[in-house]
Amino acid sequence: MGRKPSTAIKPSCDKRDCFANESGACQCLRNNDFWYRKDKSCPFYKSRAEYEKEIQRLKEKGPIRND
């Protein structure tokens, strides 16, 4: 089963090194119009290297326990 892949048009992304940029489109957000920010930059931007480092840190930390 699972979810159907989205057929919606992905917003464009001008940050070529962003982890979510795939072929010039953001794969994480439905809308990237940050009109409320003075510099209009994406607050979720993270380079692929930063993303990989964060994933590694979380893997080393292990699963979350709810004791």
N, C-alpha and C. Protein backbone atom coordinates (compact mmCIF):
# COMPACT_ATOMS: atom_id res chain seq x y z
N MET A 1 0.84 -1.18 0.00
CA MET A 1 0.00 0.00 0.00
C MET A 1 0.89 1.25 0.00
N GLY A 2 0.88 1.99 1.09
CA GLY A 2 1.69 3.19 1.16
C GLY A 2 1.02 4.37 0.50
N ARG A 3 1.74 5.46 0.50
CA ARG A 3 1.23 6.68 -0.11
C ARG A 3 1.60 6.75 -1.57
N LYS A 4 0.74 7.38 -2.34
CA LYS A 4 1.04 7.60 -3.75
C LYS A 4 2.08 8.69 -3.85
N PRO A 5 2.99 8.60 -4.82
CA PRO A 5 3.94 9.70 -5.02
C PRO A 5 3.20 10.97 -5.41
N SER A 6 3.69 12.08 -4.92
CA SER A 6 3.05 13.36 -5.21
C SER A 6 3.23 13.74 -6.67
N THR A 7 2.16 14.21 -7.28
CA THR A 7 2.25 14.69 -8.65
C THR A 7 2.24 16.22 -8.68
N ALA A 8 2.23 16.84 -7.50
CA ALA A 8 2.24 18.30 -7.43
C ALA A 8 3.58 18.84 -7.91
N ILE A 9 3.55 20.01 -8.45
CA ILE A 9 4.78 20.65 -8.91
C ILE A 9 5.56 21.13 -7.68
N LYS A 10 6.81 20.75 -7.60
CA LYS A 10 7.67 21.13 -6.48
C LYS A 10 8.17 22.56 -6.70
N PRO A 11 8.33 23.33 -5.61
CA PRO A 11 8.84 24.69 -5.75
C PRO A 11 10.30 24.68 -6.17
N SER A 12 10.69 25.68 -6.93
CA SER A 12 12.07 25.75 -7.39
C SER A 12 13.00 26.09 -6.23
N CYS A 13 14.25 25.68 -6.36
CA CYS A 13 15.26 25.91 -5.33
C CYS A 13 16.54 26.39 -6.00
N ASP A 14 17.04 27.54 -5.56
CA ASP A 14 18.25 28.09 -6.18
C ASP A 14 19.52 27.71 -5.42
N LYS A 15 19.39 26.98 -4.33
CA LYS A 15 20.55 26.53 -3.54
C LYS A 15 20.98 25.16 -4.06
N ARG A 16 21.97 25.14 -4.93
CA ARG A 16 22.38 23.89 -5.56
C ARG A 16 22.96 22.88 -4.58
N ASP A 17 23.52 23.35 -3.45
CA ASP A 17 24.12 22.43 -2.50
C ASP A 17 23.18 22.03 -1.36
N CYS A 18 21.92 22.45 -1.43
CA CYS A 18 20.94 22.11 -0.39
C CYS A 18 20.62 20.62 -0.47
N PHE A 19 20.52 19.97 0.69
CA PHE A 19 20.24 18.53 0.72
C PHE A 19 18.90 18.18 0.08
N ALA A 20 17.96 19.11 0.06
CA ALA A 20 16.62 18.83 -0.48
C ALA A 20 16.48 19.21 -1.95
N ASN A 21 17.51 19.79 -2.54
CA ASN A 21 17.46 20.19 -3.94
C ASN A 21 17.72 18.99 -4.83
N GLU A 22 16.76 18.70 -5.67
CA GLU A 22 16.92 17.64 -6.65
C GLU A 22 16.49 18.19 -8.00
N SER A 23 17.44 18.34 -8.89
CA SER A 23 17.20 18.87 -10.24
C SER A 23 16.56 20.26 -10.18
N GLY A 24 16.97 21.07 -9.20
CA GLY A 24 16.48 22.44 -9.11
C GLY A 24 15.14 22.61 -8.43
N ALA A 25 14.63 21.54 -7.82
CA ALA A 25 13.34 21.60 -7.13
C ALA A 25 13.48 21.13 -5.69
N CYS A 26 12.78 21.78 -4.79
CA CYS A 26 12.79 21.40 -3.37
C CYS A 26 11.94 20.15 -3.18
N GLN A 27 12.52 19.13 -2.57
CA GLN A 27 11.82 17.87 -2.35
C GLN A 27 11.15 17.80 -0.98
N CYS A 28 11.35 18.82 -0.15
CA CYS A 28 10.80 18.81 1.22
C CYS A 28 9.59 19.72 1.41
N LEU A 29 9.56 20.83 0.71
CA LEU A 29 8.53 21.82 0.95
C LEU A 29 7.51 21.88 -0.19
N ARG A 30 6.30 22.21 0.16
CA ARG A 30 5.27 22.45 -0.86
C ARG A 30 5.30 23.89 -1.34
N ASN A 31 5.75 24.77 -0.47
CA ASN A 31 5.79 26.20 -0.78
C ASN A 31 7.06 26.77 -0.19
N ASN A 32 7.82 27.48 -0.96
CA ASN A 32 9.03 28.10 -0.42
C ASN A 32 9.00 29.62 -0.60
N ASP A 33 7.84 30.19 -0.49
CA ASP A 33 7.68 31.64 -0.56
C ASP A 33 7.78 32.20 0.86
N PHE A 34 8.97 32.61 1.24
CA PHE A 34 9.20 33.12 2.59
C PHE A 34 9.11 34.64 2.59
N TRP A 35 7.95 35.15 2.25
CA TRP A 35 7.69 36.58 2.13
C TRP A 35 7.91 37.32 3.44
N TYR A 36 7.76 36.65 4.56
CA TYR A 36 7.86 37.29 5.87
C TYR A 36 9.31 37.48 6.33
N ARG A 37 10.26 36.90 5.64
CA ARG A 37 11.67 37.07 6.01
C ARG A 37 12.28 38.22 5.21
N LYS A 38 13.05 39.05 5.88
CA LYS A 38 13.65 40.21 5.21
C LYS A 38 14.50 39.79 4.02
N ASP A 39 15.31 38.76 4.19
CA ASP A 39 16.20 38.35 3.09
C ASP A 39 15.58 37.27 2.19
N LYS A 40 14.36 36.84 2.48
CA LYS A 40 13.61 35.87 1.67
C LYS A 40 14.30 34.51 1.57
N SER A 41 15.29 34.25 2.44
CA SER A 41 16.02 32.99 2.37
C SER A 41 15.25 31.87 3.07
N CYS A 42 15.53 30.67 2.67
CA CYS A 42 14.85 29.50 3.23
C CYS A 42 15.40 29.21 4.64
N PRO A 43 14.53 29.18 5.65
CA PRO A 43 15.00 28.91 7.01
C PRO A 43 15.34 27.43 7.23
N PHE A 44 15.04 26.58 6.28
CA PHE A 44 15.30 25.15 6.39
C PHE A 44 16.56 24.72 5.64
N TYR A 45 17.25 25.67 5.02
CA TYR A 45 18.43 25.34 4.22
C TYR A 45 19.49 24.63 5.06
N LYS A 46 20.02 23.56 4.49
CA LYS A 46 21.13 22.84 5.10
C LYS A 46 21.91 22.20 3.95
N SER A 47 23.22 22.38 3.95
CA SER A 47 24.02 21.78 2.88
C SER A 47 23.99 20.26 3.01
N ARG A 48 24.32 19.59 1.93
CA ARG A 48 24.32 18.13 1.97
C ARG A 48 25.32 17.62 3.01
N ALA A 49 26.47 18.29 3.15
CA ALA A 49 27.47 17.89 4.15
C ALA A 49 26.91 18.05 5.57
N GLU A 50 26.21 19.15 5.83
CA GLU A 50 25.60 19.37 7.15
C GLU A 50 24.53 18.31 7.42
N TYR A 51 23.76 18.00 6.40
CA TYR A 51 22.70 17.00 6.52
C TYR A 51 23.29 15.62 6.86
N GLU A 52 24.32 15.21 6.13
CA GLU A 52 24.97 13.92 6.38
C GLU A 52 25.55 13.86 7.78
N LYS A 53 26.16 14.96 8.23
CA LYS A 53 26.73 15.03 9.58
C LYS A 53 25.63 14.87 10.64
N GLU A 54 24.50 15.53 10.43
CA GLU A 54 23.37 15.44 11.36
C GLU A 54 22.79 14.02 11.39
N ILE A 55 22.66 13.39 10.24
CA ILE A 55 22.16 12.01 10.18
C ILE A 55 23.10 11.08 10.93
N GLN A 56 24.40 11.24 10.74
CA GLN A 56 25.38 10.40 11.44
C GLN A 56 25.28 10.60 12.95
N ARG A 57 25.14 11.85 13.38
CA ARG A 57 25.03 12.15 14.82
C ARG A 57 23.79 11.46 15.40
N LEU A 58 22.68 11.52 14.68
CA LEU A 58 21.45 10.90 15.17
C LEU A 58 21.55 9.38 15.19
N LYS A 59 22.23 8.79 14.22
CA LYS A 59 22.42 7.34 14.21
C LYS A 59 23.25 6.90 15.41
N GLU A 60 24.28 7.68 15.74
CA GLU A 60 25.13 7.36 16.88
C GLU A 60 24.38 7.52 18.20
N LYS A 61 23.47 8.45 18.24
CA LYS A 61 22.69 8.71 19.44
C LYS A 61 21.74 7.56 19.74
N GLY A 62 21.23 6.92 18.72
CA GLY A 62 20.34 5.78 18.90
C GLY A 62 18.88 6.19 18.97
N PRO A 63 18.00 5.20 19.12
CA PRO A 63 16.56 5.46 19.13
C PRO A 63 16.13 6.26 20.37
N ILE A 64 15.03 6.95 20.22
CA ILE A 64 14.45 7.72 21.34
C ILE A 64 13.67 6.74 22.21
N ARG A 65 13.87 6.87 23.50
CA ARG A 65 13.14 6.02 24.45
C ARG A 65 12.13 6.87 25.20
N ASN A 66 10.95 6.33 25.37
CA ASN A 66 9.88 7.02 26.12
C ASN A 66 9.59 6.28 27.42
N ASP A 67 10.56 6.27 28.31
CA ASP A 67 10.38 5.59 29.61
C ASP A 67 9.69 6.47 30.60
